[in-house]
Amino acid sequence: MAWLWAATAAGTDPLGAFGPAVALGFSLQPNLLRLGVRLEATFPRGTPLPGSGGEVQSFSFAADLEACLAPALPPVQLLACANAGLTVLEATGQGTARDDHATVPLYSVGPGVGAEWLLHPSAFLRLGIASRFYLVKPELVVEDLPERKRISTASVTATLGAGVRW
């Protein structure tokens, strides 16, 4: 069976700032195991640089591969997932002497849980929480200032959406 879903989301980005996002997923489920892809994009958000009067404006895109155990308890299907993926952080300094731009690739792994409520044999509502633990945490450096902004250890996103299956 194939599953396709879209959702609104809220959570933290790699810099630790909280805000909205959107997510899209596709998966195949031949049995109890479900394999899929999850895409997510955050809306722009700002993270202050303490002591400098400036901030980092950022947004991110993430693509994850998911492997889930998906037992069905009709009309609900539960999900316990393992994720591995790539997040691309786009960050721009604002209000500093040198407002620079950085594109930072981040590799991550993490767990996720969710539930899907079947509204119809081919339609469902989805509620989920996914986390990403970043394997490498580089620093964003503001030139000519002592401030540095380190990538967070993890980010968490909660999603609420709908989808179709066939």
N, C-alpha and C. Protein backbone atom coordinates (compact mmCIF):
# COMPACT_ATOMS: atom_id res chain seq x y z
N MET A 1 0.84 -1.17 0.00
CA MET A 1 0.00 0.00 0.00
C MET A 1 0.89 1.24 0.00
N ALA A 2 0.50 2.27 -0.74
CA ALA A 2 1.23 3.54 -0.81
C ALA A 2 0.50 4.61 0.00
N TRP A 3 1.29 5.47 0.67
CA TRP A 3 0.76 6.54 1.52
C TRP A 3 1.40 7.85 1.07
N LEU A 4 0.58 8.90 0.92
CA LEU A 4 1.06 10.23 0.58
C LEU A 4 0.38 11.21 1.52
N TRP A 5 1.16 12.11 2.17
CA TRP A 5 0.58 13.04 3.12
C TRP A 5 1.27 14.40 3.07
N ALA A 6 0.55 15.42 3.50
CA ALA A 6 1.07 16.77 3.63
C ALA A 6 0.63 17.29 4.99
N ALA A 7 1.46 18.12 5.62
CA ALA A 7 1.15 18.57 6.97
C ALA A 7 1.72 19.94 7.27
N THR A 8 1.09 20.62 8.19
CA THR A 8 1.68 21.81 8.80
C THR A 8 2.49 21.31 9.99
N ALA A 9 3.50 22.08 10.36
CA ALA A 9 4.39 21.63 11.42
C ALA A 9 4.85 22.82 12.26
N ALA A 10 5.32 22.51 13.44
CA ALA A 10 5.94 23.50 14.32
C ALA A 10 7.06 22.80 15.05
N GLY A 11 8.17 23.51 15.22
CA GLY A 11 9.29 22.90 15.92
C GLY A 11 10.52 23.77 15.88
N THR A 12 11.64 23.18 16.26
CA THR A 12 12.90 23.90 16.31
C THR A 12 13.71 23.63 15.05
N ASP A 13 14.56 24.59 14.72
CA ASP A 13 15.46 24.41 13.58
C ASP A 13 16.86 24.08 14.10
N PRO A 14 17.85 23.90 13.22
CA PRO A 14 19.19 23.55 13.70
C PRO A 14 19.85 24.59 14.61
N LEU A 15 19.36 25.83 14.58
CA LEU A 15 19.90 26.86 15.48
C LEU A 15 19.13 26.94 16.80
N GLY A 16 18.09 26.12 16.95
CA GLY A 16 17.31 26.09 18.17
C GLY A 16 16.14 27.05 18.19
N ALA A 17 15.90 27.79 17.10
CA ALA A 17 14.77 28.72 17.05
C ALA A 17 13.48 27.96 16.76
N PHE A 18 12.41 28.35 17.46
CA PHE A 18 11.11 27.70 17.29
C PHE A 18 10.30 28.45 16.23
N GLY A 19 9.55 27.70 15.41
CA GLY A 19 8.70 28.33 14.41
C GLY A 19 7.95 27.33 13.56
N PRO A 20 7.19 27.85 12.57
CA PRO A 20 6.38 26.98 11.71
C PRO A 20 7.18 26.35 10.58
N ALA A 21 6.61 25.28 10.04
CA ALA A 21 7.21 24.57 8.91
C ALA A 21 6.11 23.84 8.15
N VAL A 22 6.45 23.28 7.02
CA VAL A 22 5.55 22.42 6.26
C VAL A 22 6.29 21.11 5.98
N ALA A 23 5.53 20.03 5.86
CA ALA A 23 6.15 18.72 5.63
C ALA A 23 5.33 17.94 4.60
N LEU A 24 6.00 17.06 3.90
CA LEU A 24 5.39 16.21 2.89
C LEU A 24 6.04 14.84 2.99
N GLY A 25 5.25 13.78 2.87
CA GLY A 25 5.81 12.45 2.97
C GLY A 25 5.19 11.47 2.00
N PHE A 26 5.98 10.48 1.63
CA PHE A 26 5.51 9.38 0.78
C PHE A 26 6.13 8.11 1.32
N SER A 27 5.33 7.04 1.40
CA SER A 27 5.86 5.77 1.88
C SER A 27 5.14 4.59 1.24
N LEU A 28 5.80 3.46 1.30
CA LEU A 28 5.25 2.20 0.84
C LEU A 28 5.22 1.24 2.02
N GLN A 29 4.12 0.50 2.14
CA GLN A 29 3.97 -0.43 3.25
C GLN A 29 3.52 -1.79 2.73
N PRO A 30 4.48 -2.71 2.50
CA PRO A 30 4.09 -4.04 2.03
C PRO A 30 3.58 -4.94 3.16
N ASN A 31 3.93 -4.63 4.41
CA ASN A 31 3.52 -5.44 5.57
C ASN A 31 3.58 -4.56 6.81
N LEU A 32 4.05 -5.06 7.91
CA LEU A 32 4.17 -4.29 9.15
C LEU A 32 5.23 -3.18 9.03
N LEU A 33 6.18 -3.34 8.14
CA LEU A 33 7.25 -2.37 7.92
C LEU A 33 6.84 -1.35 6.87
N ARG A 34 7.03 -0.08 7.16
CA ARG A 34 6.74 1.00 6.20
C ARG A 34 8.03 1.74 5.92
N LEU A 35 8.37 1.91 4.63
CA LEU A 35 9.57 2.62 4.20
C LEU A 35 9.15 3.88 3.45
N GLY A 36 9.79 5.01 3.77
CA GLY A 36 9.34 6.24 3.14
C GLY A 36 10.37 7.35 3.12
N VAL A 37 9.92 8.47 2.56
CA VAL A 37 10.71 9.70 2.44
C VAL A 37 9.88 10.82 3.06
N ARG A 38 10.54 11.67 3.81
CA ARG A 38 9.88 12.82 4.44
C ARG A 38 10.66 14.07 4.06
N LEU A 39 9.97 15.10 3.54
CA LEU A 39 10.57 16.38 3.20
C LEU A 39 9.99 17.44 4.12
N GLU A 40 10.82 18.38 4.54
CA GLU A 40 10.35 19.43 5.45
C GLU A 40 11.06 20.73 5.13
N ALA A 41 10.34 21.84 5.22
CA ALA A 41 10.92 23.18 5.04
C ALA A 41 10.42 24.08 6.15
N THR A 42 11.34 24.78 6.79
CA THR A 42 10.94 25.74 7.83
C THR A 42 10.73 27.10 7.19
N PHE A 43 9.88 27.90 7.82
CA PHE A 43 9.72 29.28 7.41
C PHE A 43 10.87 30.08 8.02
N PRO A 44 11.23 31.23 7.41
CA PRO A 44 12.34 32.03 7.97
C PRO A 44 12.08 32.42 9.43
N ARG A 45 13.17 32.41 10.20
CA ARG A 45 13.10 32.79 11.61
C ARG A 45 14.41 33.43 12.03
N GLY A 46 14.38 34.17 13.11
CA GLY A 46 15.57 34.87 13.59
C GLY A 46 16.06 34.32 14.92
N THR A 47 17.39 34.28 15.07
CA THR A 47 18.03 33.86 16.31
C THR A 47 18.98 34.97 16.73
N PRO A 48 18.77 35.60 17.90
CA PRO A 48 19.64 36.70 18.32
C PRO A 48 21.07 36.24 18.59
N LEU A 49 22.02 37.15 18.33
CA LEU A 49 23.42 36.95 18.70
C LEU A 49 23.66 37.80 19.94
N PRO A 50 23.67 37.20 21.12
CA PRO A 50 23.81 37.97 22.36
C PRO A 50 25.03 38.88 22.36
N GLY A 51 24.84 40.12 22.79
CA GLY A 51 25.94 41.06 22.91
C GLY A 51 26.30 41.80 21.65
N SER A 52 25.78 41.40 20.49
CA SER A 52 26.16 42.06 19.25
C SER A 52 25.08 42.98 18.72
N GLY A 53 23.84 42.81 19.17
CA GLY A 53 22.74 43.59 18.62
C GLY A 53 22.27 43.05 17.28
N GLY A 54 22.92 42.01 16.78
CA GLY A 54 22.52 41.42 15.50
C GLY A 54 21.82 40.09 15.71
N GLU A 55 21.46 39.47 14.60
CA GLU A 55 20.81 38.17 14.67
C GLU A 55 21.13 37.37 13.43
N VAL A 56 20.83 36.09 13.50
CA VAL A 56 20.97 35.20 12.36
C VAL A 56 19.57 34.90 11.85
N GLN A 57 19.29 35.26 10.60
CA GLN A 57 18.04 34.88 9.94
C GLN A 57 18.29 33.56 9.24
N SER A 58 17.41 32.59 9.46
CA SER A 58 17.65 31.27 8.88
C SER A 58 16.36 30.59 8.45
N PHE A 59 16.53 29.63 7.57
CA PHE A 59 15.49 28.67 7.22
C PHE A 59 16.21 27.40 6.82
N SER A 60 15.50 26.28 6.82
CA SER A 60 16.15 25.02 6.50
C SER A 60 15.24 24.12 5.68
N PHE A 61 15.88 23.23 4.95
CA PHE A 61 15.20 22.18 4.18
C PHE A 61 15.76 20.85 4.66
N ALA A 62 14.88 19.87 4.86
CA ALA A 62 15.33 18.56 5.32
C ALA A 62 14.71 17.47 4.46
N ALA A 63 15.49 16.42 4.22
CA ALA A 63 15.02 15.22 3.53
C ALA A 63 15.46 14.03 4.37
N ASP A 64 14.51 13.21 4.77
CA ASP A 64 14.81 12.05 5.62
C ASP A 64 14.29 10.78 4.98
N LEU A 65 15.03 9.71 5.16
CA LEU A 65 14.54 8.37 4.87
C LEU A 65 14.00 7.81 6.16
N GLU A 66 12.83 7.15 6.11
CA GLU A 66 12.19 6.61 7.31
C GLU A 66 11.96 5.11 7.16
N ALA A 67 12.18 4.41 8.23
CA ALA A 67 11.80 3.01 8.33
C ALA A 67 10.92 2.92 9.58
N CYS A 68 9.67 2.48 9.41
CA CYS A 68 8.70 2.50 10.51
C CYS A 68 8.07 1.13 10.72
N LEU A 69 7.83 0.82 11.98
CA LEU A 69 6.92 -0.28 12.32
C LEU A 69 5.55 0.36 12.40
N ALA A 70 4.57 -0.22 11.72
CA ALA A 70 3.26 0.41 11.60
C ALA A 70 2.13 -0.57 11.88
N PRO A 71 1.93 -0.94 13.16
CA PRO A 71 0.82 -1.84 13.48
C PRO A 71 -0.53 -1.12 13.35
N ALA A 72 -1.52 -1.83 12.87
CA ALA A 72 -2.86 -1.26 12.70
C ALA A 72 -3.77 -1.71 13.83
N LEU A 73 -4.46 -0.75 14.41
CA LEU A 73 -5.50 -0.99 15.40
C LEU A 73 -6.72 -0.23 14.91
N PRO A 74 -7.43 -0.76 13.88
CA PRO A 74 -8.46 0.00 13.18
C PRO A 74 -9.40 0.76 14.11
N PRO A 75 -9.68 2.01 13.79
CA PRO A 75 -9.32 2.78 12.60
C PRO A 75 -8.01 3.56 12.74
N VAL A 76 -7.13 3.19 13.70
CA VAL A 76 -5.88 3.91 13.92
C VAL A 76 -4.70 3.03 13.51
N GLN A 77 -3.69 3.69 12.93
CA GLN A 77 -2.44 3.02 12.63
C GLN A 77 -1.34 3.76 13.39
N LEU A 78 -0.57 3.04 14.19
CA LEU A 78 0.51 3.64 14.97
C LEU A 78 1.82 3.52 14.22
N LEU A 79 2.73 4.47 14.44
CA LEU A 79 4.02 4.47 13.76
C LEU A 79 5.14 4.67 14.77
N ALA A 80 6.16 3.84 14.70
CA ALA A 80 7.40 4.00 15.45
C ALA A 80 8.52 3.94 14.43
N CYS A 81 9.21 5.08 14.24
CA CYS A 81 10.12 5.21 13.10
C CYS A 81 11.56 5.50 13.51
N ALA A 82 12.46 5.14 12.62
CA ALA A 82 13.86 5.54 12.67
C ALA A 82 14.13 6.36 11.42
N ASN A 83 14.74 7.54 11.59
CA ASN A 83 14.98 8.45 10.48
C ASN A 83 16.48 8.70 10.30
N ALA A 84 16.89 8.89 9.07
CA ALA A 84 18.25 9.33 8.75
C ALA A 84 18.13 10.29 7.58
N GLY A 85 18.85 11.42 7.66
CA GLY A 85 18.67 12.37 6.58
C GLY A 85 19.69 13.47 6.52
N LEU A 86 19.38 14.43 5.65
CA LEU A 86 20.22 15.59 5.39
C LEU A 86 19.36 16.84 5.58
N THR A 87 19.87 17.79 6.34
CA THR A 87 19.23 19.10 6.50
C THR A 87 20.18 20.13 5.94
N VAL A 88 19.66 21.06 5.14
CA VAL A 88 20.46 22.17 4.62
C VAL A 88 19.97 23.44 5.30
N LEU A 89 20.86 24.06 6.09
CA LEU A 89 20.55 25.29 6.81
C LEU A 89 21.06 26.47 5.99
N GLU A 90 20.18 27.41 5.70
CA GLU A 90 20.54 28.67 5.04
C GLU A 90 20.51 29.74 6.11
N ALA A 91 21.65 30.38 6.39
CA ALA A 91 21.72 31.37 7.46
C ALA A 91 22.37 32.65 6.95
N THR A 92 21.82 33.80 7.37
CA THR A 92 22.33 35.11 6.99
C THR A 92 22.39 35.99 8.24
N GLY A 93 23.55 36.60 8.46
CA GLY A 93 23.69 37.53 9.57
C GLY A 93 23.02 38.85 9.22
N GLN A 94 22.37 39.47 10.21
CA GLN A 94 21.74 40.78 10.02
C GLN A 94 22.05 41.66 11.20
N GLY A 95 22.40 42.92 10.91
CA GLY A 95 22.69 43.87 11.98
C GLY A 95 24.10 43.76 12.51
N THR A 96 25.00 43.12 11.77
CA THR A 96 26.40 43.03 12.17
C THR A 96 27.24 43.79 11.16
N ALA A 97 28.52 43.98 11.48
CA ALA A 97 29.41 44.73 10.59
C ALA A 97 29.52 44.07 9.22
N ARG A 98 29.55 42.75 9.21
CA ARG A 98 29.63 42.01 7.93
C ARG A 98 28.49 41.00 7.91
N ASP A 99 27.40 41.35 7.28
CA ASP A 99 26.25 40.45 7.17
C ASP A 99 26.55 39.44 6.08
N ASP A 100 26.96 38.26 6.49
CA ASP A 100 27.39 37.23 5.56
C ASP A 100 26.33 36.13 5.47
N HIS A 101 26.45 35.29 4.47
CA HIS A 101 25.51 34.19 4.23
C HIS A 101 26.27 32.87 4.30
N ALA A 102 25.62 31.85 4.85
CA ALA A 102 26.23 30.52 4.91
C ALA A 102 25.19 29.46 4.57
N THR A 103 25.62 28.45 3.83
CA THR A 103 24.82 27.27 3.56
C THR A 103 25.52 26.11 4.25
N VAL A 104 24.82 25.48 5.20
CA VAL A 104 25.46 24.46 6.04
C VAL A 104 24.71 23.14 5.89
N PRO A 105 25.36 22.10 5.33
CA PRO A 105 24.72 20.77 5.29
C PRO A 105 24.91 20.06 6.64
N LEU A 106 23.84 19.43 7.12
CA LEU A 106 23.87 18.74 8.41
C LEU A 106 23.29 17.33 8.24
N TYR A 107 24.01 16.34 8.71
CA TYR A 107 23.53 14.96 8.65
C TYR A 107 22.94 14.59 10.00
N SER A 108 21.84 13.84 9.97
CA SER A 108 21.16 13.54 11.22
C SER A 108 20.55 12.15 11.23
N VAL A 109 20.29 11.67 12.45
CA VAL A 109 19.52 10.45 12.69
C VAL A 109 18.58 10.75 13.85
N GLY A 110 17.51 9.99 13.95
CA GLY A 110 16.61 10.21 15.07
C GLY A 110 15.36 9.36 15.00
N PRO A 111 14.63 9.34 16.11
CA PRO A 111 13.38 8.59 16.17
C PRO A 111 12.18 9.47 15.83
N GLY A 112 11.08 8.83 15.54
CA GLY A 112 9.81 9.51 15.32
C GLY A 112 8.66 8.61 15.73
N VAL A 113 7.58 9.21 16.14
CA VAL A 113 6.37 8.46 16.46
C VAL A 113 5.19 9.18 15.84
N GLY A 114 4.13 8.43 15.58
CA GLY A 114 2.95 9.04 14.99
C GLY A 114 1.74 8.14 15.07
N ALA A 115 0.62 8.73 14.67
CA ALA A 115 -0.64 7.98 14.59
C ALA A 115 -1.41 8.52 13.40
N GLU A 116 -2.06 7.61 12.70
CA GLU A 116 -2.91 7.97 11.56
C GLU A 116 -4.30 7.41 11.81
N TRP A 117 -5.27 8.26 11.64
CA TRP A 117 -6.66 7.87 11.84
C TRP A 117 -7.33 7.77 10.48
N LEU A 118 -7.79 6.58 10.13
CA LEU A 118 -8.42 6.35 8.83
C LEU A 118 -9.83 6.94 8.84
N LEU A 119 -10.04 7.93 8.00
CA LEU A 119 -11.35 8.56 7.86
C LEU A 119 -12.21 7.81 6.85
N HIS A 120 -11.53 7.15 5.92
CA HIS A 120 -12.14 6.48 4.77
C HIS A 120 -11.11 5.46 4.33
N PRO A 121 -11.45 4.44 3.58
CA PRO A 121 -10.43 3.48 3.16
C PRO A 121 -9.24 4.10 2.41
N SER A 122 -9.43 5.31 1.84
CA SER A 122 -8.32 5.93 1.12
C SER A 122 -7.91 7.29 1.66
N ALA A 123 -8.40 7.73 2.82
CA ALA A 123 -8.04 9.04 3.39
C ALA A 123 -7.77 8.91 4.88
N PHE A 124 -6.83 9.72 5.38
CA PHE A 124 -6.47 9.65 6.80
C PHE A 124 -5.98 11.00 7.31
N LEU A 125 -6.06 11.17 8.63
CA LEU A 125 -5.43 12.29 9.33
C LEU A 125 -4.16 11.77 9.99
N ARG A 126 -3.14 12.61 10.06
CA ARG A 126 -1.85 12.17 10.60
C ARG A 126 -1.38 13.15 11.67
N LEU A 127 -0.89 12.62 12.77
CA LEU A 127 -0.28 13.38 13.85
C LEU A 127 1.06 12.72 14.15
N GLY A 128 2.13 13.51 14.18
CA GLY A 128 3.44 12.91 14.41
C GLY A 128 4.43 13.84 15.08
N ILE A 129 5.46 13.25 15.64
CA ILE A 129 6.59 13.97 16.21
C ILE A 129 7.86 13.28 15.71
N ALA A 130 8.78 14.09 15.18
CA ALA A 130 10.05 13.55 14.71
C ALA A 130 11.19 14.38 15.29
N SER A 131 12.29 13.72 15.60
CA SER A 131 13.46 14.43 16.10
C SER A 131 14.66 14.09 15.24
N ARG A 132 15.59 15.04 15.20
CA ARG A 132 16.84 14.85 14.46
C ARG A 132 18.00 15.15 15.42
N PHE A 133 18.93 14.23 15.51
CA PHE A 133 20.15 14.46 16.27
C PHE A 133 21.27 14.66 15.25
N TYR A 134 21.88 15.84 15.27
CA TYR A 134 22.89 16.19 14.26
C TYR A 134 24.21 15.54 14.61
N LEU A 135 24.81 14.87 13.61
CA LEU A 135 26.02 14.11 13.84
C LEU A 135 27.25 15.00 13.98
N VAL A 136 27.26 16.15 13.31
CA VAL A 136 28.33 17.13 13.42
C VAL A 136 27.67 18.47 13.68
N LYS A 137 28.22 19.24 14.63
CA LYS A 137 27.61 20.52 15.00
C LYS A 137 28.60 21.66 14.75
N PRO A 138 28.68 22.18 13.54
CA PRO A 138 29.61 23.28 13.28
C PRO A 138 29.14 24.58 13.95
N GLU A 139 30.02 25.56 14.01
CA GLU A 139 29.66 26.87 14.54
C GLU A 139 29.50 27.85 13.40
N LEU A 140 28.55 28.77 13.56
CA LEU A 140 28.44 29.91 12.66
C LEU A 140 29.22 31.04 13.31
N VAL A 141 30.19 31.60 12.60
CA VAL A 141 31.07 32.62 13.16
C VAL A 141 30.72 33.96 12.54
N VAL A 142 30.58 34.99 13.40
CA VAL A 142 30.37 36.35 12.92
C VAL A 142 31.75 37.02 12.94
N GLU A 143 32.25 37.36 11.75
CA GLU A 143 33.59 37.94 11.68
C GLU A 143 33.65 39.26 12.44
N ASP A 144 34.79 39.53 13.04
CA ASP A 144 35.08 40.75 13.81
C ASP A 144 34.29 40.81 15.11
N LEU A 145 33.60 39.76 15.49
CA LEU A 145 32.88 39.72 16.77
C LEU A 145 33.24 38.42 17.48
N PRO A 146 33.22 38.43 18.80
CA PRO A 146 33.54 37.20 19.53
C PRO A 146 32.38 36.20 19.56
N GLU A 147 31.20 36.62 19.10
CA GLU A 147 30.03 35.75 19.18
C GLU A 147 30.11 34.61 18.17
N ARG A 148 29.68 33.47 18.61
CA ARG A 148 29.57 32.29 17.74
C ARG A 148 28.22 31.66 18.02
N LYS A 149 27.63 31.07 17.02
CA LYS A 149 26.35 30.38 17.19
C LYS A 149 26.57 28.94 16.80
N ARG A 150 26.45 28.03 17.76
CA ARG A 150 26.66 26.60 17.51
C ARG A 150 25.34 25.97 17.09
N ILE A 151 25.44 25.02 16.17
CA ILE A 151 24.28 24.24 15.75
C ILE A 151 23.80 23.44 16.96
N SER A 152 22.50 23.38 17.15
CA SER A 152 21.92 22.61 18.27
C SER A 152 22.24 21.13 18.13
N THR A 153 22.20 20.44 19.24
CA THR A 153 22.41 18.99 19.23
C THR A 153 21.28 18.28 18.51
N ALA A 154 20.04 18.80 18.68
CA ALA A 154 18.87 18.14 18.11
C ALA A 154 17.81 19.17 17.75
N SER A 155 16.89 18.76 16.91
CA SER A 155 15.69 19.54 16.62
C SER A 155 14.49 18.60 16.70
N VAL A 156 13.34 19.18 17.03
CA VAL A 156 12.11 18.40 17.16
C VAL A 156 11.01 19.09 16.38
N THR A 157 10.21 18.32 15.67
CA THR A 157 9.10 18.86 14.89
C THR A 157 7.84 18.04 15.13
N ALA A 158 6.74 18.73 15.38
CA ALA A 158 5.42 18.09 15.49
C ALA A 158 4.63 18.42 14.24
N THR A 159 3.92 17.45 13.68
CA THR A 159 3.16 17.64 12.44
C THR A 159 1.71 17.24 12.63
N LEU A 160 0.84 17.94 11.90
CA LEU A 160 -0.57 17.61 11.83
C LEU A 160 -0.99 17.79 10.39
N GLY A 161 -1.49 16.73 9.77
CA GLY A 161 -1.85 16.82 8.36
C GLY A 161 -2.83 15.75 7.93
N ALA A 162 -2.97 15.65 6.62
CA ALA A 162 -3.91 14.69 6.03
C ALA A 162 -3.23 14.05 4.83
N GLY A 163 -3.78 12.90 4.43
CA GLY A 163 -3.21 12.22 3.30
C GLY A 163 -4.16 11.23 2.66
N VAL A 164 -3.63 10.60 1.63
CA VAL A 164 -4.37 9.56 0.91
C VAL A 164 -3.52 8.30 0.84
N ARG A 165 -4.19 7.18 0.69
CA ARG A 165 -3.48 5.91 0.52
C ARG A 165 -4.16 5.12 -0.58
N TRP A 166 -3.38 4.28 -1.22
CA TRP A 166 -3.94 3.44 -2.27
C TRP A 166 -3.14 2.15 -2.36
